[in-house]
C-alpha cells in the first residue's frame, strides 16, 4: 500500500504522468485543489484532454458563470475557460486522458 500527503503533491495533482505522483499513468490526471478567495487561473484550453471539475466547497466563476458547492463542470477539448474563486474553494479535478503539456493559454 502506498500513501502520501496531498500537500506534498505539485499543486494538488496526485495521479498522472508527472513528479511527484502517487500513481503514475498517462490514462488520467486527478487533483484536489484549494483556492483562497480571489485566486485566479488564466483563460486556457486543452487540445487533447477533457477536464472535469467538481466544486467540493465554495463558489467560483468560470466563463462569466457562477458555480457552487456540488456543481460539476465539464470542459471538452478545444473549449476554453478561465477560473476565479469567489470565496475560499476546494475542487476535485479529473483530466482524461492524461496529456502532458496540453494546457494552452489565450495568447498561444
PDB file of N, CA and C in Angstrom:
ATOM      1  N   UNK A   1       0.840  -1.176   0.000  1.00  0.00           N
ATOM      2  CA  UNK A   1       0.000   0.000   0.000  1.00  0.00           C
ATOM      3  C   UNK A   1       0.887   1.242   0.000  1.00  0.00           C
ATOM      4  N   UNK A   2       0.532   2.202  -0.847  1.00  0.00           N
ATOM      5  CA  UNK A   2       1.244   3.483  -0.901  1.00  0.00           C
ATOM      6  C   UNK A   2       0.404   4.541  -0.191  1.00  0.00           C
ATOM      7  N   UNK A   3       1.062   5.562   0.292  1.00  0.00           N
ATOM      8  CA  UNK A   3       0.348   6.720   0.824  1.00  0.00           C
ATOM      9  C   UNK A   3       1.222   7.954   0.668  1.00  0.00           C
ATOM     10  N   UNK A   4       0.579   9.103   0.710  1.00  0.00           N
ATOM     11  CA  UNK A   4       1.287  10.380   0.593  1.00  0.00           C
ATOM     12  C   UNK A   4       0.404  11.454   1.196  1.00  0.00           C
ATOM     13  N   UNK A   5       0.950  12.615   1.348  1.00  0.00           N
ATOM     14  CA  UNK A   5       0.202  13.783   1.803  1.00  0.00           C
ATOM     15  C   UNK A   5      -0.106  14.663   0.598  1.00  0.00           C
ATOM     16  N   UNK A   6      -1.339  15.123   0.521  1.00  0.00           N
ATOM     17  CA  UNK A   6      -1.745  15.963  -0.600  1.00  0.00           C
ATOM     18  C   UNK A   6      -0.843  17.192  -0.720  1.00  0.00           C
ATOM     19  N   UNK A   7      -0.447  17.763   0.404  1.00  0.00           N
ATOM     20  CA  UNK A   7       0.388  18.966   0.344  1.00  0.00           C
ATOM     21  C   UNK A   7       1.775  18.696  -0.234  1.00  0.00           C
ATOM     22  N   UNK A   8       2.180  17.424  -0.350  1.00  0.00           N
ATOM     23  CA  UNK A   8       3.476  17.124  -0.956  1.00  0.00           C
ATOM     24  C   UNK A   8       3.375  16.968  -2.476  1.00  0.00           C
ATOM     25  N   UNK A   9       2.173  17.020  -3.004  1.00  0.00           N
ATOM     26  CA  UNK A   9       1.965  16.894  -4.445  1.00  0.00           C
ATOM     27  C   UNK A   9       2.032  18.283  -5.092  1.00  0.00           C
ATOM     28  N   UNK A  10       2.400  18.341  -6.354  1.00  0.00           N
ATOM     29  CA  UNK A  10       2.517  19.610  -7.069  1.00  0.00           C
ATOM     30  C   UNK A  10       1.133  20.163  -7.386  1.00  0.00           C
ATOM     31  N   UNK A  11       0.767  21.276  -6.771  1.00  0.00           N
ATOM     32  CA  UNK A  11      -0.500  21.972  -6.995  1.00  0.00           C
ATOM     33  C   UNK A  11      -1.708  21.063  -6.792  1.00  0.00           C
ATOM     34  N   UNK A  12      -1.587  20.035  -5.953  1.00  0.00           N
ATOM     35  CA  UNK A  12      -2.707  19.164  -5.631  1.00  0.00           C
ATOM     36  C   UNK A  12      -2.893  17.983  -6.565  1.00  0.00           C
ATOM     37  N   UNK A  13      -2.097  17.889  -7.623  1.00  0.00           N
ATOM     38  CA  UNK A  13      -2.209  16.777  -8.577  1.00  0.00           C
ATOM     39  C   UNK A  13      -1.498  15.557  -8.009  1.00  0.00           C
ATOM     40  N   UNK A  14      -2.213  14.431  -7.878  1.00  0.00           N
ATOM     41  CA  UNK A  14      -1.604  13.246  -7.274  1.00  0.00           C
ATOM     42  C   UNK A  14      -1.670  11.989  -8.134  1.00  0.00           C
ATOM     43  N   UNK A  15      -2.414  12.004  -9.238  1.00  0.00           N
ATOM     44  CA  UNK A  15      -2.429  10.905 -10.197  1.00  0.00           C
ATOM     45  C   UNK A  15      -2.107  11.484 -11.560  1.00  0.00           C
ATOM     46  N   UNK A  16      -1.132  10.910 -12.256  1.00  0.00           N
ATOM     47  CA  UNK A  16      -0.775  11.370 -13.597  1.00  0.00           C
ATOM     48  C   UNK A  16       0.679  11.099 -13.895  1.00  0.00           C
ATOM     49  N   UNK A  17       1.103  11.479 -15.068  1.00  0.00           N
ATOM     50  CA  UNK A  17       2.471  11.237 -15.509  1.00  0.00           C
ATOM     51  C   UNK A  17       3.341  12.464 -15.239  1.00  0.00           C
ATOM     52  N   UNK A  18       3.592  12.711 -13.960  1.00  0.00           N
ATOM     53  CA  UNK A  18       4.416  13.835 -13.542  1.00  0.00           C
ATOM     54  C   UNK A  18       5.014  13.506 -12.173  1.00  0.00           C
ATOM     55  N   UNK A  19       5.940  14.323 -11.744  1.00  0.00           N
ATOM     56  CA  UNK A  19       6.590  14.138 -10.439  1.00  0.00           C
ATOM     57  C   UNK A  19       6.290  15.328  -9.560  1.00  0.00           C
ATOM     58  N   UNK A  20       5.963  15.101  -8.307  1.00  0.00           N
ATOM     59  CA  UNK A  20       5.672  13.782  -7.736  1.00  0.00           C
ATOM     60  C   UNK A  20       4.282  13.311  -8.152  1.00  0.00           C
ATOM     61  N   UNK A  21       4.083  12.026  -8.089  1.00  0.00           N
ATOM     62  CA  UNK A  21       2.776  11.442  -8.356  1.00  0.00           C
ATOM     63  C   UNK A  21       2.642  10.182  -7.510  1.00  0.00           C
ATOM     64  N   UNK A  22       1.517  10.026  -6.861  1.00  0.00           N
ATOM     65  CA  UNK A  22       1.295   8.824  -6.067  1.00  0.00           C
ATOM     66  C   UNK A  22       1.010   7.632  -6.984  1.00  0.00           C
ATOM     67  N   UNK A  23       0.360   7.905  -8.122  1.00  0.00           N
ATOM     68  CA  UNK A  23       0.061   6.860  -9.102  1.00  0.00           C
ATOM     69  C   UNK A  23       0.392   7.397 -10.478  1.00  0.00           C
ATOM     70  N   UNK A  24       1.435   6.851 -11.101  1.00  0.00           N
ATOM     71  CA  UNK A  24       1.924   7.355 -12.379  1.00  0.00           C
ATOM     72  C   UNK A  24       1.187   6.654 -13.524  1.00  0.00           C
ATOM     73  N   UNK A  25       0.521   7.470 -14.380  1.00  0.00           N
ATOM     74  CA  UNK A  25      -0.213   6.945 -15.518  1.00  0.00           C
ATOM     75  C   UNK A  25      -0.424   8.049 -16.544  1.00  0.00           C
ATOM     76  N   UNK A  26      -0.569   7.651 -17.811  1.00  0.00           N
ATOM     77  CA  UNK A  26      -0.947   8.591 -18.863  1.00  0.00           C
ATOM     78  C   UNK A  26      -2.448   8.583 -19.109  1.00  0.00           C
ATOM     79  N   UNK A  27      -3.164   7.668 -18.463  1.00  0.00           N
ATOM     80  CA  UNK A  27      -4.592   7.495 -18.733  1.00  0.00           C
ATOM     81  C   UNK A  27      -5.439   8.623 -18.170  1.00  0.00           C
ATOM     82  N   UNK A  28      -5.025   9.209 -17.057  1.00  0.00           N
ATOM     83  CA  UNK A  28      -5.844  10.197 -16.365  1.00  0.00           C
ATOM     84  C   UNK A  28      -4.965  11.042 -15.448  1.00  0.00           C
ATOM     85  N   UNK A  29      -5.431  12.226 -15.124  1.00  0.00           N
ATOM     86  CA  UNK A  29      -4.813  13.063 -14.094  1.00  0.00           C
ATOM     87  C   UNK A  29      -5.902  13.405 -13.084  1.00  0.00           C
ATOM     88  N   UNK A  30      -5.565  13.349 -11.804  1.00  0.00           N
ATOM     89  CA  UNK A  30      -6.529  13.643 -10.744  1.00  0.00           C
ATOM     90  C   UNK A  30      -5.867  14.564  -9.731  1.00  0.00           C
ATOM     91  N   UNK A  31      -6.598  15.580  -9.321  1.00  0.00           N
ATOM     92  CA  UNK A  31      -6.075  16.506  -8.332  1.00  0.00           C
ATOM     93  C   UNK A  31      -7.171  17.046  -7.430  1.00  0.00           C
ATOM     94  N   UNK A  32      -6.777  17.447  -6.233  1.00  0.00           N
ATOM     95  CA  UNK A  32      -7.630  18.184  -5.306  1.00  0.00           C
ATOM     96  C   UNK A  32      -6.948  19.518  -5.114  1.00  0.00           C
ATOM     97  N   UNK A  33      -7.685  20.590  -5.391  1.00  0.00           N
ATOM     98  CA  UNK A  33      -7.081  21.907  -5.386  1.00  0.00           C
ATOM     99  C   UNK A  33      -7.825  22.827  -4.424  1.00  0.00           C
ATOM    100  N   UNK A  34      -7.059  23.639  -3.712  1.00  0.00           N
ATOM    101  CA  UNK A  34      -7.616  24.608  -2.767  1.00  0.00           C
ATOM    102  C   UNK A  34      -7.269  26.006  -3.244  1.00  0.00           C
ATOM    103  N   UNK A  35      -8.261  26.878  -3.214  1.00  0.00           N
ATOM    104  CA  UNK A  35      -8.078  28.255  -3.654  1.00  0.00           C
ATOM    105  C   UNK A  35      -8.576  29.211  -2.576  1.00  0.00           C
ATOM    106  N   UNK A  36      -7.843  30.260  -2.335  1.00  0.00           N
ATOM    107  CA  UNK A  36      -8.306  31.348  -1.487  1.00  0.00           C
ATOM    108  C   UNK A  36      -9.191  32.267  -2.321  1.00  0.00           C
ATOM    109  N   UNK A  37     -10.124  32.928  -1.678  1.00  0.00           N
ATOM    110  CA  UNK A  37     -10.987  33.877  -2.385  1.00  0.00           C
ATOM    111  C   UNK A  37     -10.131  34.853  -3.182  1.00  0.00           C
ATOM    112  N   UNK A  38     -10.495  35.070  -4.429  1.00  0.00           N
ATOM    113  CA  UNK A  38      -9.763  35.983  -5.296  1.00  0.00           C
ATOM    114  C   UNK A  38      -8.713  35.319  -6.168  1.00  0.00           C
ATOM    115  N   UNK A  39      -8.368  34.063  -5.875  1.00  0.00           N
ATOM    116  CA  UNK A  39      -7.381  33.354  -6.702  1.00  0.00           C
ATOM    117  C   UNK A  39      -7.944  33.152  -8.100  1.00  0.00           C
ATOM    118  N   UNK A  40      -7.064  33.221  -9.086  1.00  0.00           N
ATOM    119  CA  UNK A  40      -7.494  33.111 -10.483  1.00  0.00           C
ATOM    120  C   UNK A  40      -6.574  32.167 -11.251  1.00  0.00           C
ATOM    121  N   UNK A  41      -7.133  31.602 -12.301  1.00  0.00           N
ATOM    122  CA  UNK A  41      -6.346  30.893 -13.309  1.00  0.00           C
ATOM    123  C   UNK A  41      -6.684  31.532 -14.645  1.00  0.00           C
ATOM    124  N   UNK A  42      -5.674  31.748 -15.458  1.00  0.00           N
ATOM    125  CA  UNK A  42      -5.859  32.411 -16.749  1.00  0.00           C
ATOM    126  C   UNK A  42      -6.681  31.541 -17.689  1.00  0.00           C
ATOM    127  N   UNK A  43      -7.336  32.218 -18.640  1.00  0.00           N
ATOM    128  CA  UNK A  43      -8.101  31.511 -19.659  1.00  0.00           C
ATOM    129  C   UNK A  43      -7.169  30.545 -20.385  1.00  0.00           C
ATOM    130  N   UNK A  44      -7.629  29.315 -20.544  1.00  0.00           N
ATOM    131  CA  UNK A  44      -6.835  28.293 -21.218  1.00  0.00           C
ATOM    132  C   UNK A  44      -7.752  27.229 -21.807  1.00  0.00           C
ATOM    133  N   UNK A  45      -7.167  26.389 -22.622  1.00  0.00           N
ATOM    134  CA  UNK A  45      -7.902  25.257 -23.177  1.00  0.00           C
ATOM    135  C   UNK A  45      -6.947  24.080 -23.324  1.00  0.00           C
ATOM    136  N   UNK A  46      -7.524  22.912 -23.575  1.00  0.00           N
ATOM    137  CA  UNK A  46      -6.753  21.697 -23.816  1.00  0.00           C
ATOM    138  C   UNK A  46      -7.114  21.187 -25.206  1.00  0.00           C
ATOM    139  N   UNK A  47      -6.123  20.740 -25.956  1.00  0.00           N
ATOM    140  CA  UNK A  47      -6.379  20.183 -27.288  1.00  0.00           C
ATOM    141  C   UNK A  47      -6.768  18.715 -27.203  1.00  0.00           C
ATOM    142  N   UNK A  48      -6.285  18.020 -26.169  1.00  0.00           N
ATOM    143  CA  UNK A  48      -6.478  16.573 -26.062  1.00  0.00           C
ATOM    144  C   UNK A  48      -7.405  16.197 -24.916  1.00  0.00           C
ATOM    145  N   UNK A  49      -7.198  16.756 -23.762  1.00  0.00           N
ATOM    146  CA  UNK A  49      -7.878  16.309 -22.543  1.00  0.00           C
ATOM    147  C   UNK A  49      -9.245  16.948 -22.346  1.00  0.00           C
ATOM    148  N   UNK A  50     -10.148  16.165 -21.775  1.00  0.00           N
ATOM    149  CA  UNK A  50     -11.397  16.659 -21.213  1.00  0.00           C
ATOM    150  C   UNK A  50     -11.128  16.924 -19.740  1.00  0.00           C
ATOM    151  N   UNK A  51     -11.557  18.079 -19.230  1.00  0.00           N
ATOM    152  CA  UNK A  51     -11.325  18.438 -17.827  1.00  0.00           C
ATOM    153  C   UNK A  51     -12.663  18.500 -17.098  1.00  0.00           C
ATOM    154  N   UNK A  52     -12.751  17.734 -16.024  1.00  0.00           N
ATOM    155  CA  UNK A  52     -13.973  17.678 -15.219  1.00  0.00           C
ATOM    156  C   UNK A  52     -13.646  18.260 -13.855  1.00  0.00           C
ATOM    157  N   UNK A  53     -14.390  19.279 -13.446  1.00  0.00           N
ATOM    158  CA  UNK A  53     -14.165  19.943 -12.168  1.00  0.00           C
ATOM    159  C   UNK A  53     -15.410  19.814 -11.307  1.00  0.00           C
ATOM    160  N   UNK A  54     -15.218  19.341 -10.083  1.00  0.00           N
ATOM    161  CA  UNK A  54     -16.296  19.262  -9.098  1.00  0.00           C
ATOM    162  C   UNK A  54     -16.019  20.324  -8.038  1.00  0.00           C
ATOM    163  N   UNK A  55     -16.991  21.179  -7.773  1.00  0.00           N
ATOM    164  CA  UNK A  55     -16.846  22.166  -6.710  1.00  0.00           C
ATOM    165  C   UNK A  55     -17.211  21.452  -5.405  1.00  0.00           C
ATOM    166  N   UNK A  56     -16.206  21.114  -4.634  1.00  0.00           N
ATOM    167  CA  UNK A  56     -16.406  20.396  -3.371  1.00  0.00           C
ATOM    168  C   UNK A  56     -16.945  21.347  -2.306  1.00  0.00           C
ATOM    169  N   UNK A  57     -16.363  22.545  -2.288  1.00  0.00           N
ATOM    170  CA  UNK A  57     -16.788  23.566  -1.317  1.00  0.00           C
ATOM    171  C   UNK A  57     -16.455  24.915  -1.912  1.00  0.00           C
ATOM    172  N   UNK A  58     -17.397  25.851  -1.823  1.00  0.00           N
ATOM    173  CA  UNK A  58     -17.103  27.213  -2.245  1.00  0.00           C
ATOM    174  C   UNK A  58     -17.950  27.664  -3.416  1.00  0.00           C
ATOM    175  N   UNK A  59     -17.442  28.730  -4.051  1.00  0.00           N
ATOM    176  CA  UNK A  59     -18.159  29.369  -5.157  1.00  0.00           C
ATOM    177  C   UNK A  59     -17.112  29.927  -6.104  1.00  0.00           C
ATOM    178  N   UNK A  60     -17.283  29.636  -7.396  1.00  0.00           N
ATOM    179  CA  UNK A  60     -16.311  30.055  -8.402  1.00  0.00           C
ATOM    180  C   UNK A  60     -17.024  30.671  -9.597  1.00  0.00           C
ATOM    181  N   UNK A  61     -16.244  31.340 -10.434  1.00  0.00           N
ATOM    182  CA  UNK A  61     -16.740  31.839 -11.708  1.00  0.00           C
ATOM    183  C   UNK A  61     -15.837  31.259 -12.792  1.00  0.00           C
ATOM    184  N   UNK A  62     -16.488  30.661 -13.793  1.00  0.00           N
ATOM    185  CA  UNK A  62     -15.793  30.148 -14.968  1.00  0.00           C
ATOM    186  C   UNK A  62     -16.554  30.648 -16.186  1.00  0.00           C
ATOM    187  N   UNK A  63     -15.861  31.351 -17.085  1.00  0.00           N
ATOM    188  CA  UNK A  63     -16.501  31.920 -18.279  1.00  0.00           C
ATOM    189  C   UNK A  63     -17.735  32.746 -17.936  1.00  0.00           C
ATOM    190  N   UNK A  64     -17.614  33.585 -16.945  1.00  0.00           N
ATOM    191  CA  UNK A  64     -18.676  34.514 -16.532  1.00  0.00           C
ATOM    192  C   UNK A  64     -19.904  33.824 -15.939  1.00  0.00           C
ATOM    193  N   UNK A  65     -19.801  32.547 -15.603  1.00  0.00           N
ATOM    194  CA  UNK A  65     -20.912  31.815 -14.980  1.00  0.00           C
ATOM    195  C   UNK A  65     -20.474  31.338 -13.601  1.00  0.00           C
ATOM    196  N   UNK A  66     -21.366  31.480 -12.622  1.00  0.00           N
ATOM    197  CA  UNK A  66     -21.044  31.052 -11.260  1.00  0.00           C
ATOM    198  C   UNK A  66     -21.426  29.600 -11.037  1.00  0.00           C
ATOM    199  N   UNK A  67     -20.555  28.911 -10.293  1.00  0.00           N
ATOM    200  CA  UNK A  67     -20.795  27.531  -9.873  1.00  0.00           C
ATOM    201  C   UNK A  67     -20.574  27.454  -8.372  1.00  0.00           C
ATOM    202  N   UNK A  68     -21.331  26.585  -7.706  1.00  0.00           N
ATOM    203  CA  UNK A  68     -21.287  26.483  -6.246  1.00  0.00           C
ATOM    204  C   UNK A  68     -21.088  25.029  -5.828  1.00  0.00           C
ATOM    205  N   UNK A  69     -20.941  24.831  -4.530  1.00  0.00           N
ATOM    206  CA  UNK A  69     -20.754  23.505  -3.958  1.00  0.00           C
ATOM    207  C   UNK A  69     -21.710  22.505  -4.600  1.00  0.00           C
ATOM    208  N   UNK A  70     -21.144  21.399  -5.076  1.00  0.00           N
ATOM    209  CA  UNK A  70     -21.931  20.332  -5.681  1.00  0.00           C
ATOM    210  C   UNK A  70     -22.031  20.405  -7.191  1.00  0.00           C
ATOM    211  N   UNK A  71     -21.674  21.535  -7.797  1.00  0.00           N
ATOM    212  CA  UNK A  71     -21.727  21.638  -9.258  1.00  0.00           C
ATOM    213  C   UNK A  71     -20.562  20.885  -9.887  1.00  0.00           C
ATOM    214  N   UNK A  72     -20.825  20.312 -11.056  1.00  0.00           N
ATOM    215  CA  UNK A  72     -19.816  19.603 -11.838  1.00  0.00           C
ATOM    216  C   UNK A  72     -19.758  20.270 -13.207  1.00  0.00           C
ATOM    217  N   UNK A  73     -18.552  20.628 -13.637  1.00  0.00           N
ATOM    218  CA  UNK A  73     -18.354  21.328 -14.904  1.00  0.00           C
ATOM    219  C   UNK A  73     -17.433  20.481 -15.783  1.00  0.00           C
ATOM    220  N   UNK A  74     -17.863  20.238 -17.020  1.00  0.00           N
ATOM    221  CA  UNK A  74     -17.031  19.505 -17.971  1.00  0.00           C
ATOM    222  C   UNK A  74     -16.613  20.461 -19.077  1.00  0.00           C
ATOM    223  N   UNK A  75     -15.304  20.541 -19.303  1.00  0.00           N
ATOM    224  CA  UNK A  75     -14.747  21.352 -20.375  1.00  0.00           C
ATOM    225  C   UNK A  75     -14.123  20.385 -21.380  1.00  0.00           C
ATOM    226  N   UNK A  76     -14.693  20.342 -22.568  1.00  0.00           N
ATOM    227  CA  UNK A  76     -14.256  19.425 -23.624  1.00  0.00           C
ATOM    228  C   UNK A  76     -13.009  19.974 -24.319  1.00  0.00           C
ATOM    229  N   UNK A  77     -12.251  19.110 -25.013  1.00  0.00           N
ATOM    230  CA  UNK A  77     -11.094  19.583 -25.777  1.00  0.00           C
ATOM    231  C   UNK A  77     -11.499  20.703 -26.735  1.00  0.00           C
ATOM    232  N   UNK A  78     -10.690  21.744 -26.771  1.00  0.00           N
ATOM    233  CA  UNK A  78     -10.949  22.883 -27.636  1.00  0.00           C
ATOM    234  C   UNK A  78     -11.801  23.967 -27.002  1.00  0.00           C
ATOM    235  N   UNK A  79     -12.552  23.642 -25.951  1.00  0.00           N
ATOM    236  CA  UNK A  79     -13.312  24.658 -25.212  1.00  0.00           C
ATOM    237  C   UNK A  79     -12.361  25.328 -24.229  1.00  0.00           C
ATOM    238  N   UNK A  80     -12.500  26.603 -24.056  1.00  0.00           N
ATOM    239  CA  UNK A  80     -11.652  27.318 -23.126  1.00  0.00           C
ATOM    240  C   UNK A  80     -12.408  27.743 -21.890  1.00  0.00           C
ATOM    241  N   UNK A  81     -11.658  28.006 -20.831  1.00  0.00           N
ATOM    242  CA  UNK A  81     -12.250  28.538 -19.611  1.00  0.00           C
ATOM    243  C   UNK A  81     -11.209  29.311 -18.818  1.00  0.00           C
ATOM    244  N   UNK A  82     -11.705  30.232 -18.023  1.00  0.00           N
ATOM    245  CA  UNK A  82     -10.887  30.875 -17.001  1.00  0.00           C
ATOM    246  C   UNK A  82     -11.447  30.395 -15.667  1.00  0.00           C
ATOM    247  N   UNK A  83     -10.912  30.896 -14.574  1.00  0.00           N
ATOM    248  CA  UNK A  83     -11.346  30.429 -13.265  1.00  0.00           C
ATOM    249  C   UNK A  83     -11.064  31.520 -12.243  1.00  0.00           C
ATOM    250  N   UNK A  84     -12.056  31.809 -11.411  1.00  0.00           N
ATOM    251  CA  UNK A  84     -11.876  32.741 -10.300  1.00  0.00           C
ATOM    252  C   UNK A  84     -12.603  32.184  -9.084  1.00  0.00           C
ATOM    253  N   UNK A  85     -11.898  32.081  -7.971  1.00  0.00           N
ATOM    254  CA  UNK A  85     -12.522  31.662  -6.712  1.00  0.00           C
ATOM    255  C   UNK A  85     -13.188  32.883  -6.094  1.00  0.00           C
ATOM    256  N   UNK A  86     -14.504  32.852  -5.975  1.00  0.00           N
ATOM    257  CA  UNK A  86     -15.253  33.967  -5.404  1.00  0.00           C
ATOM    258  C   UNK A  86     -15.254  33.919  -3.885  1.00  0.00           C
ATOM    259  N   UNK A  87     -14.938  32.759  -3.327  1.00  0.00           N
ATOM    260  CA  UNK A  87     -14.729  32.571  -1.895  1.00  0.00           C
ATOM    261  C   UNK A  87     -13.757  31.412  -1.742  1.00  0.00           C
ATOM    262  N   UNK A  88     -13.288  31.150  -0.531  1.00  0.00           N
ATOM    263  CA  UNK A  88     -12.389  30.018  -0.333  1.00  0.00           C
ATOM    264  C   UNK A  88     -13.066  28.774  -0.900  1.00  0.00           C
ATOM    265  N   UNK A  89     -12.327  28.025  -1.723  1.00  0.00           N
ATOM    266  CA  UNK A  89     -12.918  26.952  -2.518  1.00  0.00           C
ATOM    267  C   UNK A  89     -12.022  25.729  -2.532  1.00  0.00           C
ATOM    268  N   UNK A  90     -12.644  24.558  -2.585  1.00  0.00           N
ATOM    269  CA  UNK A  90     -11.941  23.292  -2.806  1.00  0.00           C
ATOM    270  C   UNK A  90     -12.570  22.628  -4.019  1.00  0.00           C
ATOM    271  N   UNK A  91     -11.738  22.104  -4.911  1.00  0.00           N
ATOM    272  CA  UNK A  91     -12.229  21.410  -6.101  1.00  0.00           C
ATOM    273  C   UNK A  91     -11.546  20.060  -6.229  1.00  0.00           C
ATOM    274  N   UNK A  92     -12.213  19.140  -6.896  1.00  0.00           N
ATOM    275  CA  UNK A  92     -11.598  17.899  -7.372  1.00  0.00           C
ATOM    276  C   UNK A  92     -11.606  18.001  -8.886  1.00  0.00           C
ATOM    277  N   UNK A  93     -10.473  17.689  -9.507  1.00  0.00           N
ATOM    278  CA  UNK A  93     -10.341  17.847 -10.948  1.00  0.00           C
ATOM    279  C   UNK A  93      -9.840  16.537 -11.549  1.00  0.00           C
ATOM    280  N   UNK A  94     -10.482  16.126 -12.635  1.00  0.00           N
ATOM    281  CA  UNK A  94     -10.076  14.941 -13.383  1.00  0.00           C
ATOM    282  C   UNK A  94      -9.833  15.377 -14.821  1.00  0.00           C
ATOM    283  N   UNK A  95      -8.673  15.011 -15.366  1.00  0.00           N
ATOM    284  CA  UNK A  95      -8.378  15.283 -16.774  1.00  0.00           C
ATOM    285  C   UNK A  95      -8.112  13.941 -17.443  1.00  0.00           C
ATOM    286  N   UNK A  96      -8.835  13.712 -18.561  1.00  0.00           N
ATOM    287  CA  UNK A  96      -8.595  12.474 -19.270  1.00  0.00           C
ATOM    288  C   UNK A  96      -8.679  12.672 -20.762  1.00  0.00           C
ATOM    289  N   UNK A  97      -7.772  12.029 -21.453  1.00  0.00           N
ATOM    290  CA  UNK A  97      -6.658  11.272 -20.894  1.00  0.00           C
ATOM    291  C   UNK A  97      -5.647  12.220 -20.269  1.00  0.00           C
ATOM    292  N   UNK A  98      -4.722  11.656 -19.515  1.00  0.00           N
ATOM    293  CA  UNK A  98      -3.604  12.449 -19.018  1.00  0.00           C
ATOM    294  C   UNK A  98      -2.809  12.915 -20.238  1.00  0.00           C
ATOM    295  N   UNK A  99      -2.505  14.158 -20.317  1.00  0.00           N
ATOM    296  CA  UNK A  99      -1.825  14.692 -21.503  1.00  0.00           C
ATOM    297  C   UNK A  99      -0.854  15.776 -21.067  1.00  0.00           C
ATOM    298  N   UNK A 100       0.394  15.402 -20.916  1.00  0.00           N
ATOM    299  CA  UNK A 100       1.406  16.383 -20.518  1.00  0.00           C
ATOM    300  C   UNK A 100       1.511  17.490 -21.560  1.00  0.00           C
ATOM    301  N   UNK A 101       1.740  18.690 -21.100  1.00  0.00           N
ATOM    302  CA  UNK A 101       1.924  19.861 -21.965  1.00  0.00           C
ATOM    303  C   UNK A 101       0.707  20.130 -22.855  1.00  0.00           C
ATOM    304  N   UNK A 102      -0.491  19.929 -22.311  1.00  0.00           N
ATOM    305  CA  UNK A 102      -1.727  20.126 -23.079  1.00  0.00           C
ATOM    306  C   UNK A 102      -2.536  21.309 -22.539  1.00  0.00           C
ATOM    307  N   UNK A 103      -1.872  22.295 -21.962  1.00  0.00           N
ATOM    308  CA  UNK A 103      -2.551  23.489 -21.473  1.00  0.00           C
ATOM    309  C   UNK A 103      -2.081  24.669 -22.316  1.00  0.00           C
ATOM    310  N   UNK A 104      -3.028  25.299 -23.010  1.00  0.00           N
ATOM    311  CA  UNK A 104      -2.731  26.392 -23.917  1.00  0.00           C
ATOM    312  C   UNK A 104      -3.387  27.665 -23.417  1.00  0.00           C
ATOM    313  N   UNK A 105      -2.587  28.686 -23.189  1.00  0.00           N
ATOM    314  CA  UNK A 105      -3.115  29.971 -22.731  1.00  0.00           C
ATOM    315  C   UNK A 105      -3.698  30.745 -23.895  1.00  0.00           C
ATOM    316  N   UNK A 106      -4.478  31.746 -23.604  1.00  0.00           N
ATOM    317  CA  UNK A 106      -5.230  32.513 -24.604  1.00  0.00           C
ATOM    318  C   UNK A 106      -4.353  33.008 -25.745  1.00  0.00           C
ATOM    319  N   UNK A 107      -3.139  33.428 -25.454  1.00  0.00           N
ATOM    320  CA  UNK A 107      -2.278  34.029 -26.488  1.00  0.00           C
ATOM    321  C   UNK A 107      -1.494  32.994 -27.283  1.00  0.00           C
ATOM    322  N   UNK A 108      -1.668  31.720 -26.963  1.00  0.00           N
ATOM    323  CA  UNK A 108      -0.879  30.697 -27.683  1.00  0.00           C
ATOM    324  C   UNK A 108      -1.616  30.178 -28.886  1.00  0.00           C
TER     325      UNK A 108
END
